[in-house]
């Protein structure tokens, strides 16, 4: 087995162990010792792959959800990407609620931020290209941060209170806002800057 394959297998094993523990324990009570015992690994192996449990949690979220979202063509299939996110939330509600309870909303949003901002940046750049427009870099970065914060905030709210928020309505609202507002903002900003 190649080193990369073995490394990925180890990471996935640790991730699965962490998720199992998060179903019954708060994150701050889960120890590296518990995880390495579950996986028949030593402490050195854990720290070779991850700085700490929070790093493992971030890798887990990135690998399972956000990493896959990056494969969607959001400008053509935004609704499918949002469905994927919501499916992931439904399947991992206990783990995500544990993360929210242990880390708090702001810290969980920070975990998602770097990955979501890349997705939003790709969406904006693709729209600029399709519209034949070019935003100033500082405004593009502001727009990326704005939509990333909004998306992460809505997801955290939906994770915590999905019983109070209809899935289809939430999906339709996100899709509508993104697909209607971004092209208009890009067109409007380009027109103003070129006037």
N, C-alpha and C. Protein backbone atom coordinates (compact mmCIF):
# COMPACT_ATOMS: atom_id res chain seq x y z
N UNK A 1 0.85 -1.18 0.00
CA UNK A 1 0.00 0.00 0.00
C UNK A 1 0.89 1.24 0.00
N UNK A 2 0.58 2.18 -0.87
CA UNK A 2 1.36 3.41 -0.96
C UNK A 2 1.18 4.24 0.31
N UNK A 3 2.18 5.10 0.57
CA UNK A 3 2.14 5.93 1.76
C UNK A 3 0.89 6.81 1.81
N UNK A 4 0.50 7.40 0.66
CA UNK A 4 -0.67 8.29 0.62
C UNK A 4 -1.95 7.52 0.95
N UNK A 5 -2.06 6.30 0.42
CA UNK A 5 -3.24 5.48 0.68
C UNK A 5 -3.31 5.09 2.15
N UNK A 6 -2.16 4.72 2.71
CA UNK A 6 -2.11 4.34 4.12
C UNK A 6 -2.43 5.54 5.01
N UNK A 7 -1.91 6.70 4.65
CA UNK A 7 -2.18 7.91 5.40
C UNK A 7 -3.66 8.26 5.37
N UNK A 8 -4.29 8.18 4.21
CA UNK A 8 -5.72 8.47 4.09
C UNK A 8 -6.54 7.47 4.89
N UNK A 9 -6.16 6.21 4.84
CA UNK A 9 -6.86 5.17 5.61
C UNK A 9 -6.78 5.47 7.11
N UNK A 10 -5.60 5.89 7.57
CA UNK A 10 -5.41 6.23 8.99
C UNK A 10 -6.29 7.42 9.37
N UNK A 11 -6.28 8.44 8.53
CA UNK A 11 -7.09 9.64 8.80
C UNK A 11 -8.57 9.29 8.86
N UNK A 12 -9.03 8.47 7.93
CA UNK A 12 -10.44 8.08 7.91
C UNK A 12 -10.81 7.26 9.13
N UNK A 13 -9.92 6.42 9.57
CA UNK A 13 -10.15 5.61 10.75
C UNK A 13 -10.29 6.50 12.00
N UNK A 14 -9.38 7.45 12.13
CA UNK A 14 -9.44 8.39 13.26
C UNK A 14 -10.71 9.24 13.19
N UNK A 15 -11.07 9.64 12.00
CA UNK A 15 -12.27 10.44 11.80
C UNK A 15 -13.52 9.66 12.20
N UNK A 16 -13.60 8.41 11.78
CA UNK A 16 -14.76 7.57 12.14
C UNK A 16 -14.84 7.38 13.65
N UNK A 17 -13.71 7.20 14.29
CA UNK A 17 -13.69 7.06 15.74
C UNK A 17 -14.18 8.34 16.41
N UNK A 18 -13.70 9.46 15.93
CA UNK A 18 -14.12 10.74 16.51
C UNK A 18 -15.64 10.91 16.37
N UNK A 19 -16.17 10.60 15.21
CA UNK A 19 -17.61 10.74 14.99
C UNK A 19 -18.41 9.81 15.91
N UNK A 20 -17.91 8.60 16.11
CA UNK A 20 -18.61 7.67 17.02
C UNK A 20 -18.66 8.26 18.43
N UNK A 21 -17.54 8.80 18.89
CA UNK A 21 -17.50 9.37 20.24
C UNK A 21 -18.36 10.62 20.35
N UNK A 22 -18.41 11.41 19.27
CA UNK A 22 -19.19 12.65 19.32
C UNK A 22 -20.69 12.39 19.41
N UNK A 23 -21.13 11.19 19.10
CA UNK A 23 -22.55 10.87 19.22
C UNK A 23 -22.98 10.74 20.68
N UNK A 24 -22.01 10.49 21.58
CA UNK A 24 -22.36 10.25 22.98
C UNK A 24 -21.62 11.15 23.97
N UNK A 25 -20.57 11.85 23.51
CA UNK A 25 -19.76 12.64 24.42
C UNK A 25 -19.54 14.05 23.87
N UNK A 26 -19.41 15.03 24.77
CA UNK A 26 -19.01 16.37 24.30
C UNK A 26 -17.59 16.32 23.74
N UNK A 27 -17.33 17.15 22.77
CA UNK A 27 -16.03 17.16 22.10
C UNK A 27 -14.88 17.38 23.08
N UNK A 28 -15.08 18.26 24.05
CA UNK A 28 -13.99 18.57 24.98
C UNK A 28 -13.68 17.43 25.96
N UNK A 29 -14.48 16.36 25.94
CA UNK A 29 -14.19 15.19 26.79
C UNK A 29 -13.59 14.04 26.01
N UNK A 30 -13.52 14.17 24.70
CA UNK A 30 -12.93 13.12 23.87
C UNK A 30 -11.42 13.32 23.86
N UNK A 31 -10.69 12.24 24.06
CA UNK A 31 -9.24 12.35 24.14
C UNK A 31 -8.56 11.65 22.96
N UNK A 32 -7.35 12.08 22.71
CA UNK A 32 -6.54 11.42 21.69
C UNK A 32 -6.35 9.96 22.07
N UNK A 33 -6.18 9.69 23.36
CA UNK A 33 -6.00 8.32 23.83
C UNK A 33 -7.17 7.42 23.42
N UNK A 34 -8.41 7.92 23.58
CA UNK A 34 -9.58 7.14 23.18
C UNK A 34 -9.53 6.80 21.69
N UNK A 35 -9.18 7.79 20.89
CA UNK A 35 -9.17 7.60 19.45
C UNK A 35 -8.10 6.61 19.00
N UNK A 36 -6.90 6.75 19.57
CA UNK A 36 -5.82 5.86 19.13
C UNK A 36 -6.07 4.43 19.60
N UNK A 37 -6.71 4.27 20.76
CA UNK A 37 -7.05 2.92 21.21
C UNK A 37 -8.09 2.30 20.29
N UNK A 38 -9.08 3.08 19.90
CA UNK A 38 -10.10 2.57 18.96
C UNK A 38 -9.49 2.10 17.65
N UNK A 39 -8.47 2.80 17.21
CA UNK A 39 -7.89 2.55 15.88
C UNK A 39 -6.63 1.69 15.92
N UNK A 40 -6.24 1.26 17.11
CA UNK A 40 -5.00 0.50 17.26
C UNK A 40 -3.81 1.25 16.70
N UNK A 41 -3.70 2.50 17.05
CA UNK A 41 -2.59 3.36 16.62
C UNK A 41 -1.84 3.86 17.83
N UNK A 42 -0.69 4.46 17.60
CA UNK A 42 0.02 5.09 18.71
C UNK A 42 -0.13 6.61 18.62
N UNK A 43 0.20 7.25 19.70
CA UNK A 43 0.06 8.70 19.81
C UNK A 43 0.87 9.43 18.73
N UNK A 44 2.05 8.92 18.45
CA UNK A 44 2.92 9.54 17.45
C UNK A 44 2.23 9.55 16.07
N UNK A 45 1.53 8.48 15.75
CA UNK A 45 0.82 8.41 14.47
C UNK A 45 -0.28 9.47 14.40
N UNK A 46 -1.02 9.62 15.50
CA UNK A 46 -2.06 10.65 15.52
C UNK A 46 -1.45 12.02 15.24
N UNK A 47 -0.38 12.35 15.98
CA UNK A 47 0.22 13.69 15.85
C UNK A 47 1.02 13.87 14.55
N UNK A 48 1.31 12.80 13.89
CA UNK A 48 1.91 12.90 12.56
C UNK A 48 0.88 13.47 11.58
N UNK A 49 -0.38 13.08 11.77
CA UNK A 49 -1.44 13.48 10.85
C UNK A 49 -2.19 14.74 11.28
N UNK A 50 -2.35 14.95 12.59
CA UNK A 50 -3.18 16.06 13.08
C UNK A 50 -2.50 16.76 14.26
N UNK A 51 -2.73 18.07 14.35
CA UNK A 51 -2.20 18.84 15.48
C UNK A 51 -2.92 18.50 16.78
N UNK A 52 -4.25 18.31 16.66
CA UNK A 52 -5.08 18.02 17.83
C UNK A 52 -6.43 17.51 17.34
N UNK A 53 -7.35 17.29 18.26
CA UNK A 53 -8.67 16.76 17.90
C UNK A 53 -9.43 17.76 17.04
N UNK A 54 -9.25 19.05 17.29
CA UNK A 54 -9.95 20.06 16.49
C UNK A 54 -9.47 20.05 15.04
N UNK A 55 -8.20 19.79 14.85
CA UNK A 55 -7.65 19.66 13.50
C UNK A 55 -8.26 18.44 12.81
N UNK A 56 -8.41 17.35 13.53
CA UNK A 56 -9.06 16.15 13.00
C UNK A 56 -10.52 16.46 12.65
N UNK A 57 -11.20 17.18 13.50
CA UNK A 57 -12.60 17.54 13.24
C UNK A 57 -12.70 18.39 11.97
N UNK A 58 -11.82 19.35 11.83
CA UNK A 58 -11.82 20.19 10.63
C UNK A 58 -11.56 19.34 9.39
N UNK A 59 -10.59 18.45 9.46
CA UNK A 59 -10.30 17.57 8.33
C UNK A 59 -11.54 16.74 7.98
N UNK A 60 -12.22 16.24 9.00
CA UNK A 60 -13.42 15.43 8.78
C UNK A 60 -14.48 16.21 8.02
N UNK A 61 -14.77 17.42 8.49
CA UNK A 61 -15.79 18.23 7.82
C UNK A 61 -15.36 18.55 6.39
N UNK A 62 -14.11 18.89 6.21
CA UNK A 62 -13.62 19.24 4.89
C UNK A 62 -13.68 18.04 3.95
N UNK A 63 -13.21 16.91 4.43
CA UNK A 63 -13.17 15.70 3.61
C UNK A 63 -14.58 15.23 3.24
N UNK A 64 -15.48 15.25 4.20
CA UNK A 64 -16.80 14.67 3.97
C UNK A 64 -17.78 15.61 3.29
N UNK A 65 -17.69 16.87 3.56
CA UNK A 65 -18.73 17.76 3.04
C UNK A 65 -18.20 18.80 2.09
N UNK A 66 -17.43 19.71 2.60
CA UNK A 66 -17.01 20.85 1.79
C UNK A 66 -16.13 20.42 0.64
N UNK A 67 -15.27 19.43 0.85
CA UNK A 67 -14.43 18.96 -0.24
C UNK A 67 -15.24 18.43 -1.42
N UNK A 68 -16.36 17.78 -1.11
CA UNK A 68 -17.21 17.26 -2.18
C UNK A 68 -17.97 18.40 -2.85
N UNK A 69 -18.40 19.38 -2.10
CA UNK A 69 -19.13 20.52 -2.64
C UNK A 69 -18.31 21.22 -3.72
N UNK A 70 -17.01 21.26 -3.54
CA UNK A 70 -16.14 21.93 -4.50
C UNK A 70 -16.22 21.28 -5.88
N UNK A 71 -16.67 20.04 -5.94
CA UNK A 71 -16.76 19.35 -7.22
C UNK A 71 -18.01 19.73 -8.01
N UNK A 72 -18.98 20.37 -7.35
CA UNK A 72 -20.18 20.79 -8.05
C UNK A 72 -19.89 22.03 -8.89
N UNK A 73 -20.57 22.14 -10.02
CA UNK A 73 -20.54 23.38 -10.78
C UNK A 73 -21.68 24.22 -10.22
N UNK A 74 -21.36 25.08 -9.26
CA UNK A 74 -22.41 25.80 -8.53
C UNK A 74 -23.24 26.71 -9.42
N UNK A 75 -22.66 27.26 -10.46
CA UNK A 75 -23.45 28.16 -11.30
C UNK A 75 -24.49 27.40 -12.09
N UNK A 76 -24.28 26.13 -12.36
CA UNK A 76 -25.25 25.33 -13.10
C UNK A 76 -26.06 24.41 -12.20
N UNK A 77 -25.54 24.07 -11.04
CA UNK A 77 -26.18 23.06 -10.20
C UNK A 77 -26.13 23.45 -8.72
N UNK A 78 -26.40 24.71 -8.44
CA UNK A 78 -26.35 25.20 -7.07
C UNK A 78 -27.34 24.46 -6.17
N UNK A 79 -28.52 24.17 -6.69
CA UNK A 79 -29.54 23.50 -5.90
C UNK A 79 -29.08 22.10 -5.48
N UNK A 80 -28.40 21.38 -6.37
CA UNK A 80 -27.88 20.05 -6.02
C UNK A 80 -26.80 20.15 -4.95
N UNK A 81 -25.97 21.17 -5.03
CA UNK A 81 -24.93 21.37 -4.01
C UNK A 81 -25.56 21.66 -2.66
N UNK A 82 -26.60 22.50 -2.65
CA UNK A 82 -27.28 22.81 -1.39
C UNK A 82 -27.97 21.57 -0.84
N UNK A 83 -28.59 20.77 -1.72
CA UNK A 83 -29.18 19.49 -1.30
C UNK A 83 -28.13 18.59 -0.66
N UNK A 84 -26.94 18.53 -1.28
CA UNK A 84 -25.87 17.71 -0.73
C UNK A 84 -25.52 18.17 0.68
N UNK A 85 -25.38 19.48 0.86
CA UNK A 85 -25.05 20.02 2.18
C UNK A 85 -26.11 19.61 3.19
N UNK A 86 -27.37 19.76 2.81
CA UNK A 86 -28.46 19.45 3.74
C UNK A 86 -28.54 17.95 4.03
N UNK A 87 -28.27 17.12 3.03
CA UNK A 87 -28.20 15.67 3.27
C UNK A 87 -27.10 15.35 4.27
N UNK A 88 -25.96 16.00 4.08
CA UNK A 88 -24.84 15.78 5.00
C UNK A 88 -25.23 16.18 6.42
N UNK A 89 -25.91 17.31 6.55
CA UNK A 89 -26.35 17.76 7.87
C UNK A 89 -27.30 16.75 8.48
N UNK A 90 -28.28 16.27 7.70
CA UNK A 90 -29.24 15.29 8.21
C UNK A 90 -28.54 14.02 8.68
N UNK A 91 -27.58 13.54 7.89
CA UNK A 91 -26.87 12.29 8.22
C UNK A 91 -25.92 12.45 9.41
N UNK A 92 -25.47 13.66 9.67
CA UNK A 92 -24.45 13.89 10.70
C UNK A 92 -24.92 14.86 11.78
N UNK A 93 -26.23 14.92 11.96
CA UNK A 93 -26.80 15.91 12.89
C UNK A 93 -26.20 15.79 14.30
N UNK A 94 -26.05 14.57 14.83
CA UNK A 94 -25.50 14.41 16.18
C UNK A 94 -24.08 14.95 16.28
N UNK A 95 -23.27 14.63 15.29
CA UNK A 95 -21.88 15.08 15.28
C UNK A 95 -21.81 16.60 15.17
N UNK A 96 -22.62 17.16 14.28
CA UNK A 96 -22.60 18.60 14.07
C UNK A 96 -23.15 19.34 15.29
N UNK A 97 -24.18 18.80 15.92
CA UNK A 97 -24.70 19.43 17.14
C UNK A 97 -23.68 19.35 18.27
N UNK A 98 -22.95 18.24 18.33
CA UNK A 98 -21.88 18.12 19.32
C UNK A 98 -20.82 19.19 19.08
N UNK A 99 -20.46 19.38 17.81
CA UNK A 99 -19.47 20.42 17.48
C UNK A 99 -20.00 21.80 17.83
N UNK A 100 -21.26 22.06 17.53
CA UNK A 100 -21.85 23.36 17.87
C UNK A 100 -21.87 23.57 19.38
N UNK A 101 -22.30 22.54 20.11
CA UNK A 101 -22.38 22.65 21.57
C UNK A 101 -21.00 22.82 22.20
N UNK A 102 -20.01 22.11 21.66
CA UNK A 102 -18.67 22.15 22.24
C UNK A 102 -17.87 23.38 21.81
N UNK A 103 -18.00 23.75 20.55
CA UNK A 103 -17.18 24.82 20.00
C UNK A 103 -17.89 26.16 19.98
N UNK A 104 -19.20 26.12 19.91
CA UNK A 104 -19.96 27.33 19.73
C UNK A 104 -20.11 27.64 18.25
N UNK A 105 -21.09 28.45 17.96
CA UNK A 105 -21.44 28.77 16.58
C UNK A 105 -20.29 29.46 15.85
N UNK A 106 -19.65 30.43 16.50
CA UNK A 106 -18.60 31.19 15.82
C UNK A 106 -17.41 30.32 15.46
N UNK A 107 -17.02 29.44 16.35
CA UNK A 107 -15.87 28.58 16.06
C UNK A 107 -16.20 27.55 14.98
N UNK A 108 -17.42 27.02 15.00
CA UNK A 108 -17.81 26.08 13.94
C UNK A 108 -17.82 26.80 12.59
N UNK A 109 -18.30 28.04 12.56
CA UNK A 109 -18.29 28.81 11.31
C UNK A 109 -16.85 29.01 10.82
N UNK A 110 -15.93 29.24 11.75
CA UNK A 110 -14.53 29.42 11.35
C UNK A 110 -13.96 28.14 10.73
N UNK A 111 -14.39 26.98 11.24
CA UNK A 111 -13.94 25.72 10.66
C UNK A 111 -14.33 25.65 9.18
N UNK A 112 -15.57 26.06 8.88
CA UNK A 112 -16.07 26.00 7.52
C UNK A 112 -15.58 27.14 6.63
N UNK A 113 -15.18 28.23 7.23
CA UNK A 113 -14.95 29.47 6.49
C UNK A 113 -13.96 29.32 5.33
N UNK A 114 -12.77 28.79 5.60
CA UNK A 114 -11.75 28.71 4.54
C UNK A 114 -12.20 27.88 3.35
N UNK A 115 -12.93 26.81 3.61
CA UNK A 115 -13.41 25.98 2.51
C UNK A 115 -14.57 26.64 1.77
N UNK A 116 -15.52 27.21 2.50
CA UNK A 116 -16.65 27.85 1.86
C UNK A 116 -16.21 29.07 1.05
N UNK A 117 -15.24 29.81 1.55
CA UNK A 117 -14.83 31.01 0.82
C UNK A 117 -14.24 30.63 -0.54
N UNK A 118 -13.58 29.47 -0.60
CA UNK A 118 -13.05 29.02 -1.90
C UNK A 118 -14.17 28.67 -2.87
N UNK A 119 -15.23 28.06 -2.35
CA UNK A 119 -16.39 27.74 -3.19
C UNK A 119 -17.04 29.01 -3.69
N UNK A 120 -17.26 29.97 -2.79
CA UNK A 120 -17.89 31.23 -3.16
C UNK A 120 -17.01 32.01 -4.13
N UNK A 121 -15.71 32.01 -3.89
CA UNK A 121 -14.78 32.70 -4.80
C UNK A 121 -14.86 32.11 -6.20
N UNK A 122 -14.89 30.78 -6.28
CA UNK A 122 -14.99 30.12 -7.59
C UNK A 122 -16.30 30.48 -8.28
N UNK A 123 -17.38 30.54 -7.52
CA UNK A 123 -18.68 30.92 -8.06
C UNK A 123 -18.64 32.34 -8.62
N UNK A 124 -18.07 33.27 -7.86
CA UNK A 124 -18.00 34.67 -8.30
C UNK A 124 -17.11 34.81 -9.53
N UNK A 125 -15.96 34.16 -9.52
CA UNK A 125 -15.07 34.24 -10.68
C UNK A 125 -15.73 33.65 -11.93
N UNK A 126 -16.45 32.55 -11.76
CA UNK A 126 -17.15 31.95 -12.90
C UNK A 126 -18.23 32.89 -13.43
N UNK A 127 -18.97 33.52 -12.53
CA UNK A 127 -20.00 34.47 -12.96
C UNK A 127 -19.38 35.68 -13.65
N UNK A 128 -18.27 36.19 -13.11
CA UNK A 128 -17.58 37.31 -13.77
C UNK A 128 -17.20 36.93 -15.20
N UNK A 129 -16.66 35.75 -15.35
CA UNK A 129 -16.25 35.26 -16.67
C UNK A 129 -17.46 35.17 -17.61
N UNK A 130 -18.56 34.58 -17.13
CA UNK A 130 -19.75 34.43 -17.96
C UNK A 130 -20.37 35.77 -18.34
N UNK A 131 -20.26 36.74 -17.42
CA UNK A 131 -20.86 38.06 -17.66
C UNK A 131 -19.90 39.01 -18.37
N UNK A 132 -18.66 38.57 -18.58
CA UNK A 132 -17.67 39.44 -19.22
C UNK A 132 -17.31 40.63 -18.35
N UNK A 133 -17.33 40.45 -17.05
CA UNK A 133 -17.04 41.52 -16.09
C UNK A 133 -15.83 41.17 -15.25
N UNK A 134 -15.27 42.19 -14.63
CA UNK A 134 -14.14 41.96 -13.74
C UNK A 134 -14.27 42.89 -12.54
N UNK A 135 -14.45 42.29 -11.37
CA UNK A 135 -14.57 43.08 -10.15
C UNK A 135 -13.20 43.47 -9.63
N UNK A 136 -13.10 44.61 -8.96
CA UNK A 136 -11.84 44.92 -8.27
C UNK A 136 -11.57 43.85 -7.21
N UNK A 137 -10.31 43.47 -7.04
CA UNK A 137 -9.96 42.39 -6.10
C UNK A 137 -10.50 42.62 -4.69
N UNK A 138 -10.38 43.86 -4.19
CA UNK A 138 -10.83 44.12 -2.82
C UNK A 138 -12.35 43.94 -2.69
N UNK A 139 -13.10 44.35 -3.72
CA UNK A 139 -14.55 44.16 -3.67
C UNK A 139 -14.92 42.69 -3.81
N UNK A 140 -14.22 41.95 -4.67
CA UNK A 140 -14.46 40.51 -4.82
C UNK A 140 -14.24 39.80 -3.49
N UNK A 141 -13.16 40.15 -2.80
CA UNK A 141 -12.87 39.52 -1.51
C UNK A 141 -13.93 39.87 -0.47
N UNK A 142 -14.41 41.13 -0.50
CA UNK A 142 -15.49 41.52 0.40
C UNK A 142 -16.74 40.71 0.11
N UNK A 143 -17.08 40.56 -1.17
CA UNK A 143 -18.25 39.79 -1.59
C UNK A 143 -18.11 38.33 -1.17
N UNK A 144 -16.93 37.76 -1.33
CA UNK A 144 -16.67 36.38 -0.90
C UNK A 144 -16.91 36.24 0.61
N UNK A 145 -16.36 37.16 1.38
CA UNK A 145 -16.52 37.11 2.84
C UNK A 145 -17.98 37.26 3.23
N UNK A 146 -18.68 38.17 2.57
CA UNK A 146 -20.09 38.43 2.88
C UNK A 146 -20.94 37.18 2.67
N UNK A 147 -20.83 36.57 1.49
CA UNK A 147 -21.64 35.39 1.19
C UNK A 147 -21.18 34.17 1.99
N UNK A 148 -19.90 34.07 2.29
CA UNK A 148 -19.41 32.95 3.09
C UNK A 148 -19.96 33.02 4.50
N UNK A 149 -19.91 34.21 5.10
CA UNK A 149 -20.47 34.39 6.44
C UNK A 149 -21.95 34.06 6.46
N UNK A 150 -22.67 34.53 5.44
CA UNK A 150 -24.11 34.27 5.38
C UNK A 150 -24.40 32.79 5.25
N UNK A 151 -23.68 32.11 4.35
CA UNK A 151 -23.90 30.68 4.13
C UNK A 151 -23.58 29.89 5.39
N UNK A 152 -22.43 30.16 5.98
CA UNK A 152 -22.04 29.44 7.20
C UNK A 152 -23.03 29.70 8.33
N UNK A 153 -23.49 30.94 8.45
CA UNK A 153 -24.47 31.28 9.50
C UNK A 153 -25.79 30.55 9.31
N UNK A 154 -26.27 30.52 8.07
CA UNK A 154 -27.53 29.82 7.78
C UNK A 154 -27.37 28.33 8.06
N UNK A 155 -26.23 27.76 7.67
CA UNK A 155 -26.01 26.33 7.92
C UNK A 155 -25.96 26.03 9.42
N UNK A 156 -25.29 26.87 10.19
CA UNK A 156 -25.23 26.64 11.64
C UNK A 156 -26.63 26.72 12.25
N UNK A 157 -27.43 27.68 11.81
CA UNK A 157 -28.80 27.81 12.30
C UNK A 157 -29.63 26.58 11.90
N UNK A 158 -29.46 26.12 10.68
CA UNK A 158 -30.22 24.97 10.21
C UNK A 158 -29.79 23.70 10.94
N UNK A 159 -28.49 23.57 11.24
CA UNK A 159 -28.00 22.41 12.00
C UNK A 159 -28.69 22.36 13.37
N UNK A 160 -28.73 23.51 14.02
CA UNK A 160 -29.25 23.56 15.38
C UNK A 160 -30.78 23.49 15.43
N UNK A 161 -31.44 24.08 14.44
CA UNK A 161 -32.90 24.22 14.51
C UNK A 161 -33.61 23.75 13.25
N UNK A 162 -33.21 22.63 12.69
CA UNK A 162 -33.83 22.20 11.44
C UNK A 162 -35.31 21.87 11.60
N UNK A 163 -35.73 21.53 12.81
CA UNK A 163 -37.16 21.26 13.03
C UNK A 163 -38.00 22.52 12.81
N UNK A 164 -37.40 23.68 13.03
CA UNK A 164 -38.12 24.95 12.89
C UNK A 164 -37.97 25.57 11.50
N UNK A 165 -37.13 24.96 10.65
CA UNK A 165 -36.88 25.51 9.32
C UNK A 165 -37.12 24.43 8.28
N UNK A 166 -38.10 24.65 7.42
CA UNK A 166 -38.41 23.70 6.37
C UNK A 166 -37.22 23.59 5.41
N UNK A 167 -36.82 22.37 5.15
CA UNK A 167 -35.65 22.12 4.31
C UNK A 167 -35.81 22.71 2.91
N UNK A 168 -36.93 22.44 2.26
CA UNK A 168 -37.13 22.92 0.90
C UNK A 168 -37.17 24.44 0.83
N UNK A 169 -37.82 25.05 1.81
CA UNK A 169 -37.88 26.52 1.83
C UNK A 169 -36.48 27.10 2.02
N UNK A 170 -35.72 26.51 2.93
CA UNK A 170 -34.35 26.98 3.16
C UNK A 170 -33.52 26.84 1.89
N UNK A 171 -33.60 25.68 1.26
CA UNK A 171 -32.85 25.44 0.02
C UNK A 171 -33.27 26.43 -1.07
N UNK A 172 -34.58 26.60 -1.24
CA UNK A 172 -35.07 27.53 -2.27
C UNK A 172 -34.62 28.95 -1.99
N UNK A 173 -34.63 29.35 -0.73
CA UNK A 173 -34.21 30.71 -0.37
C UNK A 173 -32.73 30.94 -0.67
N UNK A 174 -31.89 29.99 -0.28
CA UNK A 174 -30.45 30.13 -0.53
C UNK A 174 -30.18 30.17 -2.04
N UNK A 175 -30.80 29.25 -2.76
CA UNK A 175 -30.61 29.19 -4.21
C UNK A 175 -31.07 30.48 -4.87
N UNK A 176 -32.24 30.95 -4.48
CA UNK A 176 -32.78 32.18 -5.07
C UNK A 176 -31.87 33.37 -4.79
N UNK A 177 -31.47 33.52 -3.55
CA UNK A 177 -30.63 34.68 -3.18
C UNK A 177 -29.30 34.65 -3.94
N UNK A 178 -28.65 33.49 -3.95
CA UNK A 178 -27.36 33.41 -4.63
C UNK A 178 -27.48 33.61 -6.13
N UNK A 179 -28.45 32.93 -6.74
CA UNK A 179 -28.55 32.99 -8.21
C UNK A 179 -29.07 34.33 -8.71
N UNK A 180 -29.87 35.02 -7.92
CA UNK A 180 -30.41 36.31 -8.34
C UNK A 180 -29.50 37.48 -7.97
N UNK A 181 -28.95 37.45 -6.79
CA UNK A 181 -28.22 38.63 -6.33
C UNK A 181 -26.80 38.73 -6.88
N UNK A 182 -26.08 37.61 -6.93
CA UNK A 182 -24.69 37.70 -7.37
C UNK A 182 -24.52 38.24 -8.79
N UNK A 183 -25.25 37.71 -9.78
CA UNK A 183 -25.09 38.29 -11.13
C UNK A 183 -25.43 39.78 -11.17
N UNK A 184 -26.49 40.17 -10.44
CA UNK A 184 -26.88 41.59 -10.43
C UNK A 184 -25.82 42.46 -9.76
N UNK A 185 -25.25 41.98 -8.68
CA UNK A 185 -24.19 42.74 -8.00
C UNK A 185 -22.99 42.89 -8.91
N UNK A 186 -22.60 41.81 -9.56
CA UNK A 186 -21.43 41.85 -10.44
C UNK A 186 -21.66 42.81 -11.61
N UNK A 187 -22.85 42.74 -12.23
CA UNK A 187 -23.19 43.65 -13.34
C UNK A 187 -23.18 45.09 -12.87
N UNK A 188 -23.83 45.34 -11.75
CA UNK A 188 -23.97 46.70 -11.24
C UNK A 188 -22.62 47.30 -10.86
N UNK A 189 -21.80 46.53 -10.17
CA UNK A 189 -20.48 47.03 -9.74
C UNK A 189 -19.60 47.30 -10.96
N UNK A 190 -19.63 46.40 -11.94
CA UNK A 190 -18.84 46.59 -13.17
C UNK A 190 -19.27 47.83 -13.92
N UNK A 191 -20.60 48.05 -14.00
CA UNK A 191 -21.12 49.23 -14.72
C UNK A 191 -20.70 50.51 -14.01
N UNK A 192 -20.81 50.53 -12.69
CA UNK A 192 -20.42 51.74 -11.92
C UNK A 192 -18.93 52.03 -12.06
N UNK A 193 -18.12 50.99 -11.95
CA UNK A 193 -16.67 51.19 -12.02
C UNK A 193 -16.22 51.61 -13.40
N UNK A 194 -16.97 51.22 -14.43
CA UNK A 194 -16.57 51.56 -15.81
C UNK A 194 -17.22 52.86 -16.30
N UNK A 195 -18.09 53.47 -15.47
CA UNK A 195 -18.77 54.70 -15.88
C UNK A 195 -17.89 55.92 -15.69
